[in-house]
Amino acid sequence: MAGSSGEDQVLAEFRASIDNIDAAMIHLLAERFRVTRQVGVHKAEAGLPPADPEREAEQVERMRGMAEAAGIDPVFSEKFLRFVIDEVIRHHLSAGD
């Protein structure tokens, strides 16, 4: 057994995996925001409102189902998705300024 976490190879491997997952999440969020910026431009050009509550509700239910299937708390997944959606809407609104 190692004396400190710096010497623990198993812990180092877990942490490397976590770091890779975090990086992948950031890249996926960046791609999502690139696409939603395009949606925002299209909505503005088409005179559509920045928010679509019906679509958002569908997405929340879809994410909750995927979370349950993956063994993740659906409440957490809903909070996470709501945070992302709210950020997208904020960007859409600020793009119209």
PDB file of N, CA and C in Angstrom:
ATOM      1  N   MET A   1       0.847  -1.189   0.000  1.00  0.00           N
ATOM      2  CA  MET A   1       0.000   0.000   0.000  1.00  0.00           C
ATOM      3  C   MET A   1       0.889   1.248   0.000  1.00  0.00           C
ATOM      4  N   ALA A   2       0.524   2.213  -0.784  1.00  0.00           N
ATOM      5  CA  ALA A   2       1.314   3.436  -0.911  1.00  0.00           C
ATOM      6  C   ALA A   2       1.071   4.345   0.280  1.00  0.00           C
ATOM      7  N   GLY A   3       2.071   5.152   0.578  1.00  0.00           N
ATOM      8  CA  GLY A   3       1.974   6.052   1.715  1.00  0.00           C
ATOM      9  C   GLY A   3       1.168   7.304   1.441  1.00  0.00           C
ATOM     10  N   SER A   4       1.068   7.707   0.170  1.00  0.00           N
ATOM     11  CA  SER A   4       0.297   8.901  -0.164  1.00  0.00           C
ATOM     12  C   SER A   4      -0.423   8.670  -1.478  1.00  0.00           C
ATOM     13  N   SER A   5      -1.422   9.484  -1.748  1.00  0.00           N
ATOM     14  CA  SER A   5      -2.191   9.318  -2.979  1.00  0.00           C
ATOM     15  C   SER A   5      -1.325   9.520  -4.220  1.00  0.00           C
ATOM     16  N   GLY A   6      -0.217  10.275  -4.087  1.00  0.00           N
ATOM     17  CA  GLY A   6       0.680  10.505  -5.206  1.00  0.00           C
ATOM     18  C   GLY A   6       1.391   9.233  -5.650  1.00  0.00           C
ATOM     19  N   GLU A   7       1.493   8.251  -4.769  1.00  0.00           N
ATOM     20  CA  GLU A   7       2.159   6.989  -5.075  1.00  0.00           C
ATOM     21  C   GLU A   7       1.160   5.888  -5.430  1.00  0.00           C
ATOM     22  N   ASP A   8      -0.094   6.150  -5.333  1.00  0.00           N
ATOM     23  CA  ASP A   8      -1.130   5.135  -5.526  1.00  0.00           C
ATOM     24  C   ASP A   8      -1.476   5.041  -7.007  1.00  0.00           C
ATOM     25  N   GLN A   9      -0.990   4.006  -7.682  1.00  0.00           N
ATOM     26  CA  GLN A   9      -1.188   3.849  -9.127  1.00  0.00           C
ATOM     27  C   GLN A   9      -2.656   3.642  -9.478  1.00  0.00           C
ATOM     28  N   VAL A  10      -3.366   2.884  -8.654  1.00  0.00           N
ATOM     29  CA  VAL A  10      -4.791   2.646  -8.919  1.00  0.00           C
ATOM     30  C   VAL A  10      -5.550   3.963  -8.883  1.00  0.00           C
ATOM     31  N   LEU A  11      -5.291   4.764  -7.860  1.00  0.00           N
ATOM     32  CA  LEU A  11      -5.941   6.065  -7.743  1.00  0.00           C
ATOM     33  C   LEU A  11      -5.561   6.961  -8.919  1.00  0.00           C
ATOM     34  N   ALA A  12      -4.306   6.926  -9.309  1.00  0.00           N
ATOM     35  CA  ALA A  12      -3.852   7.736 -10.445  1.00  0.00           C
ATOM     36  C   ALA A  12      -4.581   7.341 -11.722  1.00  0.00           C
ATOM     37  N   GLU A  13      -4.814   6.047 -11.913  1.00  0.00           N
ATOM     38  CA  GLU A  13      -5.544   5.584 -13.108  1.00  0.00           C
ATOM     39  C   GLU A  13      -7.004   6.026 -13.073  1.00  0.00           C
ATOM     40  N   PHE A  14      -7.622   5.931 -11.905  1.00  0.00           N
ATOM     41  CA  PHE A  14      -8.999   6.421 -11.774  1.00  0.00           C
ATOM     42  C   PHE A  14      -9.070   7.904 -12.103  1.00  0.00           C
ATOM     43  N   ARG A  15      -8.129   8.655 -11.548  1.00  0.00           N
ATOM     44  CA  ARG A  15      -8.126  10.102 -11.770  1.00  0.00           C
ATOM     45  C   ARG A  15      -7.874  10.441 -13.233  1.00  0.00           C
ATOM     46  N   ALA A  16      -7.021   9.680 -13.893  1.00  0.00           N
ATOM     47  CA  ALA A  16      -6.783   9.907 -15.327  1.00  0.00           C
ATOM     48  C   ALA A  16      -8.059   9.653 -16.117  1.00  0.00           C
ATOM     49  N   SER A  17      -8.799   8.617 -15.746  1.00  0.00           N
ATOM     50  CA  SER A  17     -10.080   8.348 -16.414  1.00  0.00           C
ATOM     51  C   SER A  17     -11.059   9.489 -16.190  1.00  0.00           C
ATOM     52  N   ILE A  18     -11.129   9.966 -14.963  1.00  0.00           N
ATOM     53  CA  ILE A  18     -12.019  11.093 -14.651  1.00  0.00           C
ATOM     54  C   ILE A  18     -11.628  12.317 -15.464  1.00  0.00           C
ATOM     55  N   ASP A  19     -10.334  12.586 -15.549  1.00  0.00           N
ATOM     56  CA  ASP A  19      -9.858  13.738 -16.325  1.00  0.00           C
ATOM     57  C   ASP A  19     -10.255  13.610 -17.798  1.00  0.00           C
ATOM     58  N   ASN A  20     -10.134  12.408 -18.347  1.00  0.00           N
ATOM     59  CA  ASN A  20     -10.528  12.184 -19.741  1.00  0.00           C
ATOM     60  C   ASN A  20     -12.025  12.377 -19.937  1.00  0.00           C
ATOM     61  N   ILE A  21     -12.813  11.887 -19.006  1.00  0.00           N
ATOM     62  CA  ILE A  21     -14.273  12.049 -19.090  1.00  0.00           C
ATOM     63  C   ILE A  21     -14.644  13.524 -18.998  1.00  0.00           C
ATOM     64  N   ASP A  22     -14.013  14.252 -18.060  1.00  0.00           N
ATOM     65  CA  ASP A  22     -14.275  15.688 -17.927  1.00  0.00           C
ATOM     66  C   ASP A  22     -13.948  16.423 -19.221  1.00  0.00           C
ATOM     67  N   ALA A  23     -12.811  16.072 -19.843  1.00  0.00           N
ATOM     68  CA  ALA A  23     -12.431  16.714 -21.101  1.00  0.00           C
ATOM     69  C   ALA A  23     -13.461  16.408 -22.186  1.00  0.00           C
ATOM     70  N   ALA A  24     -13.907  15.168 -22.255  1.00  0.00           N
ATOM     71  CA  ALA A  24     -14.918  14.793 -23.253  1.00  0.00           C
ATOM     72  C   ALA A  24     -16.214  15.565 -23.021  1.00  0.00           C
ATOM     73  N   MET A  25     -16.605  15.722 -21.750  1.00  0.00           N
ATOM     74  CA  MET A  25     -17.830  16.476 -21.448  1.00  0.00           C
ATOM     75  C   MET A  25     -17.711  17.922 -21.902  1.00  0.00           C
ATOM     76  N   ILE A  26     -16.571  18.537 -21.675  1.00  0.00           N
ATOM     77  CA  ILE A  26     -16.371  19.924 -22.093  1.00  0.00           C
ATOM     78  C   ILE A  26     -16.449  20.035 -23.609  1.00  0.00           C
ATOM     79  N   HIS A  27     -15.823  19.108 -24.313  1.00  0.00           N
ATOM     80  CA  HIS A  27     -15.871  19.137 -25.776  1.00  0.00           C
ATOM     81  C   HIS A  27     -17.296  18.910 -26.297  1.00  0.00           C
ATOM     82  N   LEU A  28     -18.033  18.019 -25.656  1.00  0.00           N
ATOM     83  CA  LEU A  28     -19.425  17.787 -26.052  1.00  0.00           C
ATOM     84  C   LEU A  28     -20.289  19.019 -25.778  1.00  0.00           C
ATOM     85  N   LEU A  29     -20.081  19.653 -24.634  1.00  0.00           N
ATOM     86  CA  LEU A  29     -20.835  20.874 -24.336  1.00  0.00           C
ATOM     87  C   LEU A  29     -20.486  21.977 -25.332  1.00  0.00           C
ATOM     88  N   ALA A  30     -19.215  22.087 -25.694  1.00  0.00           N
ATOM     89  CA  ALA A  30     -18.805  23.096 -26.674  1.00  0.00           C
ATOM     90  C   ALA A  30     -19.503  22.840 -28.005  1.00  0.00           C
ATOM     91  N   GLU A  31     -19.566  21.595 -28.423  1.00  0.00           N
ATOM     92  CA  GLU A  31     -20.252  21.257 -29.677  1.00  0.00           C
ATOM     93  C   GLU A  31     -21.742  21.556 -29.573  1.00  0.00           C
ATOM     94  N   ARG A  32     -22.332  21.237 -28.430  1.00  0.00           N
ATOM     95  CA  ARG A  32     -23.762  21.524 -28.225  1.00  0.00           C
ATOM     96  C   ARG A  32     -24.017  23.021 -28.330  1.00  0.00           C
ATOM     97  N   PHE A  33     -23.153  23.822 -27.704  1.00  0.00           N
ATOM     98  CA  PHE A  33     -23.331  25.272 -27.752  1.00  0.00           C
ATOM     99  C   PHE A  33     -23.101  25.827 -29.155  1.00  0.00           C
ATOM    100  N   ARG A  34     -22.198  25.222 -29.921  1.00  0.00           N
ATOM    101  CA  ARG A  34     -22.017  25.658 -31.317  1.00  0.00           C
ATOM    102  C   ARG A  34     -23.308  25.452 -32.106  1.00  0.00           C
ATOM    103  N   VAL A  35     -23.929  24.298 -31.928  1.00  0.00           N
ATOM    104  CA  VAL A  35     -25.175  24.005 -32.645  1.00  0.00           C
ATOM    105  C   VAL A  35     -26.299  24.904 -32.143  1.00  0.00           C
ATOM    106  N   THR A  36     -26.395  25.097 -30.832  1.00  0.00           N
ATOM    107  CA  THR A  36     -27.482  25.931 -30.324  1.00  0.00           C
ATOM    108  C   THR A  36     -27.302  27.391 -30.724  1.00  0.00           C
ATOM    109  N   ARG A  37     -26.047  27.838 -30.928  1.00  0.00           N
ATOM    110  CA  ARG A  37     -25.850  29.197 -31.461  1.00  0.00           C
ATOM    111  C   ARG A  37     -26.449  29.296 -32.863  1.00  0.00           C
ATOM    112  N   GLN A  38     -26.277  28.253 -33.658  1.00  0.00           N
ATOM    113  CA  GLN A  38     -26.862  28.234 -34.997  1.00  0.00           C
ATOM    114  C   GLN A  38     -28.388  28.239 -34.917  1.00  0.00           C
ATOM    115  N   VAL A  39     -28.918  27.506 -33.952  1.00  0.00           N
ATOM    116  CA  VAL A  39     -30.369  27.513 -33.724  1.00  0.00           C
ATOM    117  C   VAL A  39     -30.818  28.923 -33.361  1.00  0.00           C
ATOM    118  N   GLY A  40     -30.061  29.583 -32.485  1.00  0.00           N
ATOM    119  CA  GLY A  40     -30.412  30.943 -32.077  1.00  0.00           C
ATOM    120  C   GLY A  40     -30.423  31.906 -33.242  1.00  0.00           C
ATOM    121  N   VAL A  41     -29.434  31.798 -34.122  1.00  0.00           N
ATOM    122  CA  VAL A  41     -29.390  32.664 -35.315  1.00  0.00           C
ATOM    123  C   VAL A  41     -30.607  32.386 -36.190  1.00  0.00           C
ATOM    124  N   HIS A  42     -30.889  31.126 -36.400  1.00  0.00           N
ATOM    125  CA  HIS A  42     -32.043  30.766 -37.229  1.00  0.00           C
ATOM    126  C   HIS A  42     -33.349  31.283 -36.618  1.00  0.00           C
ATOM    127  N   LYS A  43     -33.503  31.092 -35.308  1.00  0.00           N
ATOM    128  CA  LYS A  43     -34.724  31.565 -34.651  1.00  0.00           C
ATOM    129  C   LYS A  43     -34.859  33.073 -34.794  1.00  0.00           C
ATOM    130  N   ALA A  44     -33.769  33.797 -34.602  1.00  0.00           N
ATOM    131  CA  ALA A  44     -33.808  35.263 -34.721  1.00  0.00           C
ATOM    132  C   ALA A  44     -34.192  35.665 -36.143  1.00  0.00           C
ATOM    133  N   GLU A  45     -33.591  35.027 -37.128  1.00  0.00           N
ATOM    134  CA  GLU A  45     -33.893  35.346 -38.528  1.00  0.00           C
ATOM    135  C   GLU A  45     -35.334  34.998 -38.898  1.00  0.00           C
ATOM    136  N   ALA A  46     -35.843  33.930 -38.284  1.00  0.00           N
ATOM    137  CA  ALA A  46     -37.205  33.487 -38.583  1.00  0.00           C
ATOM    138  C   ALA A  46     -38.244  34.159 -37.692  1.00  0.00           C
ATOM    139  N   GLY A  47     -37.796  35.004 -36.766  1.00  0.00           N
ATOM    140  CA  GLY A  47     -38.726  35.686 -35.871  1.00  0.00           C
ATOM    141  C   GLY A  47     -39.338  34.768 -34.828  1.00  0.00           C
ATOM    142  N   LEU A  48     -38.636  33.703 -34.475  1.00  0.00           N
ATOM    143  CA  LEU A  48     -39.135  32.750 -33.476  1.00  0.00           C
ATOM    144  C   LEU A  48     -38.632  33.140 -32.091  1.00  0.00           C
ATOM    145  N   PRO A  49     -39.375  32.801 -31.058  1.00  0.00           N
ATOM    146  CA  PRO A  49     -38.932  33.126 -29.694  1.00  0.00           C
ATOM    147  C   PRO A  49     -37.698  32.304 -29.318  1.00  0.00           C
ATOM    148  N   PRO A  50     -36.849  32.839 -28.426  1.00  0.00           N
ATOM    149  CA  PRO A  50     -35.635  32.107 -28.047  1.00  0.00           C
ATOM    150  C   PRO A  50     -35.915  30.829 -27.262  1.00  0.00           C
ATOM    151  N   ALA A  51     -37.014  30.784 -26.541  1.00  0.00           N
ATOM    152  CA  ALA A  51     -37.357  29.603 -25.740  1.00  0.00           C
ATOM    153  C   ALA A  51     -38.500  28.838 -26.397  1.00  0.00           C
ATOM    154  N   ASP A  52     -38.469  27.519 -26.230  1.00  0.00           N
ATOM    155  CA  ASP A  52     -39.524  26.644 -26.734  1.00  0.00           C
ATOM    156  C   ASP A  52     -39.901  25.695 -25.603  1.00  0.00           C
ATOM    157  N   PRO A  53     -40.812  26.127 -24.721  1.00  0.00           N
ATOM    158  CA  PRO A  53     -41.140  25.336 -23.533  1.00  0.00           C
ATOM    159  C   PRO A  53     -41.591  23.906 -23.842  1.00  0.00           C
ATOM    160  N   GLU A  54     -42.299  23.708 -24.951  1.00  0.00           N
ATOM    161  CA  GLU A  54     -42.746  22.346 -25.296  1.00  0.00           C
ATOM    162  C   GLU A  54     -41.545  21.453 -25.613  1.00  0.00           C
ATOM    163  N   ARG A  55     -40.625  21.952 -26.421  1.00  0.00           N
ATOM    164  CA  ARG A  55     -39.412  21.198 -26.759  1.00  0.00           C
ATOM    165  C   ARG A  55     -38.589  20.937 -25.497  1.00  0.00           C
ATOM    166  N   GLU A  56     -38.472  21.946 -24.641  1.00  0.00           N
ATOM    167  CA  GLU A  56     -37.704  21.783 -23.405  1.00  0.00           C
ATOM    168  C   GLU A  56     -38.299  20.685 -22.533  1.00  0.00           C
ATOM    169  N   ALA A  57     -39.623  20.662 -22.417  1.00  0.00           N
ATOM    170  CA  ALA A  57     -40.296  19.627 -21.617  1.00  0.00           C
ATOM    171  C   ALA A  57     -40.042  18.237 -22.204  1.00  0.00           C
ATOM    172  N   GLU A  58     -40.078  18.135 -23.526  1.00  0.00           N
ATOM    173  CA  GLU A  58     -39.793  16.850 -24.181  1.00  0.00           C
ATOM    174  C   GLU A  58     -38.367  16.406 -23.886  1.00  0.00           C
ATOM    175  N   GLN A  59     -37.436  17.350 -23.957  1.00  0.00           N
ATOM    176  CA  GLN A  59     -36.029  17.034 -23.698  1.00  0.00           C
ATOM    177  C   GLN A  59     -35.822  16.595 -22.249  1.00  0.00           C
ATOM    178  N   VAL A  60     -36.476  17.265 -21.320  1.00  0.00           N
ATOM    179  CA  VAL A  60     -36.351  16.901 -19.911  1.00  0.00           C
ATOM    180  C   VAL A  60     -36.830  15.469 -19.708  1.00  0.00           C
ATOM    181  N   GLU A  61     -37.977  15.128 -20.266  1.00  0.00           N
ATOM    182  CA  GLU A  61     -38.506  13.770 -20.114  1.00  0.00           C
ATOM    183  C   GLU A  61     -37.581  12.749 -20.767  1.00  0.00           C
ATOM    184  N   ARG A  62     -37.059  13.084 -21.924  1.00  0.00           N
ATOM    185  CA  ARG A  62     -36.127  12.195 -22.624  1.00  0.00           C
ATOM    186  C   ARG A  62     -34.871  11.966 -21.780  1.00  0.00           C
ATOM    187  N   MET A  63     -34.315  13.044 -21.238  1.00  0.00           N
ATOM    188  CA  MET A  63     -33.115  12.933 -20.414  1.00  0.00           C
ATOM    189  C   MET A  63     -33.381  12.158 -19.124  1.00  0.00           C
ATOM    190  N   ARG A  64     -34.531  12.367 -18.537  1.00  0.00           N
ATOM    191  CA  ARG A  64     -34.873  11.629 -17.317  1.00  0.00           C
ATOM    192  C   ARG A  64     -34.920  10.132 -17.601  1.00  0.00           C
ATOM    193  N   GLY A  65     -35.517   9.769 -18.738  1.00  0.00           N
ATOM    194  CA  GLY A  65     -35.584   8.357 -19.112  1.00  0.00           C
ATOM    195  C   GLY A  65     -34.204   7.767 -19.346  1.00  0.00           C
ATOM    196  N   MET A  66     -33.353   8.507 -20.044  1.00  0.00           N
ATOM    197  CA  MET A  66     -31.986   8.033 -20.281  1.00  0.00           C
ATOM    198  C   MET A  66     -31.220   7.918 -18.969  1.00  0.00           C
ATOM    199  N   ALA A  67     -31.428   8.874 -18.068  1.00  0.00           N
ATOM    200  CA  ALA A  67     -30.741   8.848 -16.777  1.00  0.00           C
ATOM    201  C   ALA A  67     -31.159   7.613 -15.982  1.00  0.00           C
ATOM    202  N   GLU A  68     -32.450   7.371 -15.925  1.00  0.00           N
ATOM    203  CA  GLU A  68     -32.933   6.195 -15.200  1.00  0.00           C
ATOM    204  C   GLU A  68     -32.332   4.921 -15.779  1.00  0.00           C
ATOM    205  N   ALA A  69     -32.310   4.827 -17.114  1.00  0.00           N
ATOM    206  CA  ALA A  69     -31.760   3.637 -17.775  1.00  0.00           C
ATOM    207  C   ALA A  69     -30.267   3.480 -17.487  1.00  0.00           C
ATOM    208  N   ALA A  70     -29.576   4.602 -17.288  1.00  0.00           N
ATOM    209  CA  ALA A  70     -28.143   4.565 -17.042  1.00  0.00           C
ATOM    210  C   ALA A  70     -27.808   4.466 -15.552  1.00  0.00           C
ATOM    211  N   GLY A  71     -28.823   4.474 -14.704  1.00  0.00           N
ATOM    212  CA  GLY A  71     -28.583   4.386 -13.270  1.00  0.00           C
ATOM    213  C   GLY A  71     -28.168   5.700 -12.633  1.00  0.00           C
ATOM    214  N   ILE A  72     -28.542   6.802 -13.278  1.00  0.00           N
ATOM    215  CA  ILE A  72     -28.244   8.140 -12.753  1.00  0.00           C
ATOM    216  C   ILE A  72     -29.540   8.746 -12.229  1.00  0.00           C
ATOM    217  N   ASP A  73     -29.445   9.499 -11.172  1.00  0.00           N
ATOM    218  CA  ASP A  73     -30.609  10.159 -10.588  1.00  0.00           C
ATOM    219  C   ASP A  73     -31.269  11.054 -11.638  1.00  0.00           C
ATOM    220  N   PRO A  74     -32.528  10.792 -11.994  1.00  0.00           N
ATOM    221  CA  PRO A  74     -33.197  11.612 -13.006  1.00  0.00           C
ATOM    222  C   PRO A  74     -33.382  13.067 -12.570  1.00  0.00           C
ATOM    223  N   VAL A  75     -33.458  13.316 -11.284  1.00  0.00           N
ATOM    224  CA  VAL A  75     -33.566  14.692 -10.802  1.00  0.00           C
ATOM    225  C   VAL A  75     -32.277  15.441 -11.122  1.00  0.00           C
ATOM    226  N   PHE A  76     -31.145  14.798 -10.905  1.00  0.00           N
ATOM    227  CA  PHE A  76     -29.864  15.408 -11.259  1.00  0.00           C
ATOM    228  C   PHE A  76     -29.809  15.700 -12.754  1.00  0.00           C
ATOM    229  N   SER A  77     -30.209  14.734 -13.570  1.00  0.00           N
ATOM    230  CA  SER A  77     -30.139  14.932 -15.023  1.00  0.00           C
ATOM    231  C   SER A  77     -31.038  16.091 -15.445  1.00  0.00           C
ATOM    232  N   GLU A  78     -32.186  16.214 -14.805  1.00  0.00           N
ATOM    233  CA  GLU A  78     -33.092  17.320 -15.128  1.00  0.00           C
ATOM    234  C   GLU A  78     -32.468  18.662 -14.730  1.00  0.00           C
ATOM    235  N   LYS A  79     -31.867  18.722 -13.566  1.00  0.00           N
ATOM    236  CA  LYS A  79     -31.216  19.959 -13.130  1.00  0.00           C
ATOM    237  C   LYS A  79     -30.078  20.331 -14.079  1.00  0.00           C
ATOM    238  N   PHE A  80     -29.302  19.331 -14.486  1.00  0.00           N
ATOM    239  CA  PHE A  80     -28.189  19.577 -15.398  1.00  0.00           C
ATOM    240  C   PHE A  80     -28.707  20.095 -16.736  1.00  0.00           C
ATOM    241  N   LEU A  81     -29.718  19.428 -17.285  1.00  0.00           N
ATOM    242  CA  LEU A  81     -30.277  19.859 -18.566  1.00  0.00           C
ATOM    243  C   LEU A  81     -30.888  21.249 -18.447  1.00  0.00           C
ATOM    244  N   ARG A  82     -31.585  21.517 -17.362  1.00  0.00           N
ATOM    245  CA  ARG A  82     -32.191  22.841 -17.167  1.00  0.00           C
ATOM    246  C   ARG A  82     -31.101  23.911 -17.142  1.00  0.00           C
ATOM    247  N   PHE A  83     -30.004  23.629 -16.467  1.00  0.00           N
ATOM    248  CA  PHE A  83     -28.883  24.566 -16.423  1.00  0.00           C
ATOM    249  C   PHE A  83     -28.371  24.852 -17.836  1.00  0.00           C
ATOM    250  N   VAL A  84     -28.181  23.804 -18.629  1.00  0.00           N
ATOM    251  CA  VAL A  84     -27.687  23.960 -20.001  1.00  0.00           C
ATOM    252  C   VAL A  84     -28.699  24.737 -20.841  1.00  0.00           C
ATOM    253  N   ILE A  85     -29.972  24.388 -20.757  1.00  0.00           N
ATOM    254  CA  ILE A  85     -31.010  25.080 -21.529  1.00  0.00           C
ATOM    255  C   ILE A  85     -31.059  26.555 -21.148  1.00  0.00           C
ATOM    256  N   ASP A  86     -31.014  26.843 -19.850  1.00  0.00           N
ATOM    257  CA  ASP A  86     -31.058  28.239 -19.407  1.00  0.00           C
ATOM    258  C   ASP A  86     -29.868  29.024 -19.952  1.00  0.00           C
ATOM    259  N   GLU A  87     -28.710  28.386 -20.009  1.00  0.00           N
ATOM    260  CA  GLU A  87     -27.520  29.046 -20.547  1.00  0.00           C
ATOM    261  C   GLU A  87     -27.688  29.301 -22.049  1.00  0.00           C
ATOM    262  N   VAL A  88     -28.239  28.347 -22.751  1.00  0.00           N
ATOM    263  CA  VAL A  88     -28.503  28.513 -24.198  1.00  0.00           C
ATOM    264  C   VAL A  88     -29.453  29.681 -24.424  1.00  0.00           C
ATOM    265  N   ILE A  89     -30.532  29.738 -23.664  1.00  0.00           N
ATOM    266  CA  ILE A  89     -31.506  30.818 -23.804  1.00  0.00           C
ATOM    267  C   ILE A  89     -30.858  32.164 -23.499  1.00  0.00           C
ATOM    268  N   ARG A  90     -30.019  32.193 -22.460  1.00  0.00           N
ATOM    269  CA  ARG A  90     -29.304  33.425 -22.116  1.00  0.00           C
ATOM    270  C   ARG A  90     -28.453  33.879 -23.307  1.00  0.00           C
ATOM    271  N   HIS A  91     -27.783  32.943 -23.947  1.00  0.00           N
ATOM    272  CA  HIS A  91     -26.976  33.284 -25.125  1.00  0.00           C
ATOM    273  C   HIS A  91     -27.852  33.779 -26.261  1.00  0.00           C
ATOM    274  N   HIS A  92     -28.999  33.132 -26.473  1.00  0.00           N
ATOM    275  CA  HIS A  92     -29.913  33.559 -27.541  1.00  0.00           C
ATOM    276  C   HIS A  92     -30.396  34.987 -27.278  1.00  0.00           C
ATOM    277  N   LEU A  93     -30.728  35.273 -26.031  1.00  0.00           N
ATOM    278  CA  LEU A  93     -31.230  36.604 -25.707  1.00  0.00           C
ATOM    279  C   LEU A  93     -30.140  37.659 -25.860  1.00  0.00           C
ATOM    280  N   SER A  94     -28.917  37.336 -25.435  1.00  0.00           N
ATOM    281  CA  SER A  94     -27.841  38.316 -25.532  1.00  0.00           C
ATOM    282  C   SER A  94     -27.405  38.509 -26.975  1.00  0.00           C
ATOM    283  N   ALA A  95     -27.610  37.519 -27.829  1.00  0.00           N
ATOM    284  CA  ALA A  95     -27.268  37.661 -29.254  1.00  0.00           C
ATOM    285  C   ALA A  95     -28.189  38.653 -29.941  1.00  0.00           C
ATOM    286  N   GLY A  96     -29.375  38.828 -29.371  1.00  0.00           N
ATOM    287  CA  GLY A  96     -30.334  39.754 -29.970  1.00  0.00           C
ATOM    288  C   GLY A  96     -30.106  41.197 -29.571  1.00  0.00           C
ATOM    289  N   ASP A  97     -29.180  41.424 -28.626  1.00  0.00           N
ATOM    290  CA  ASP A  97     -28.905  42.799 -28.151  1.00  0.00           C
ATOM    291  C   ASP A  97     -28.180  43.622 -29.193  1.00  0.00           C
TER     292      ASP A  97
END
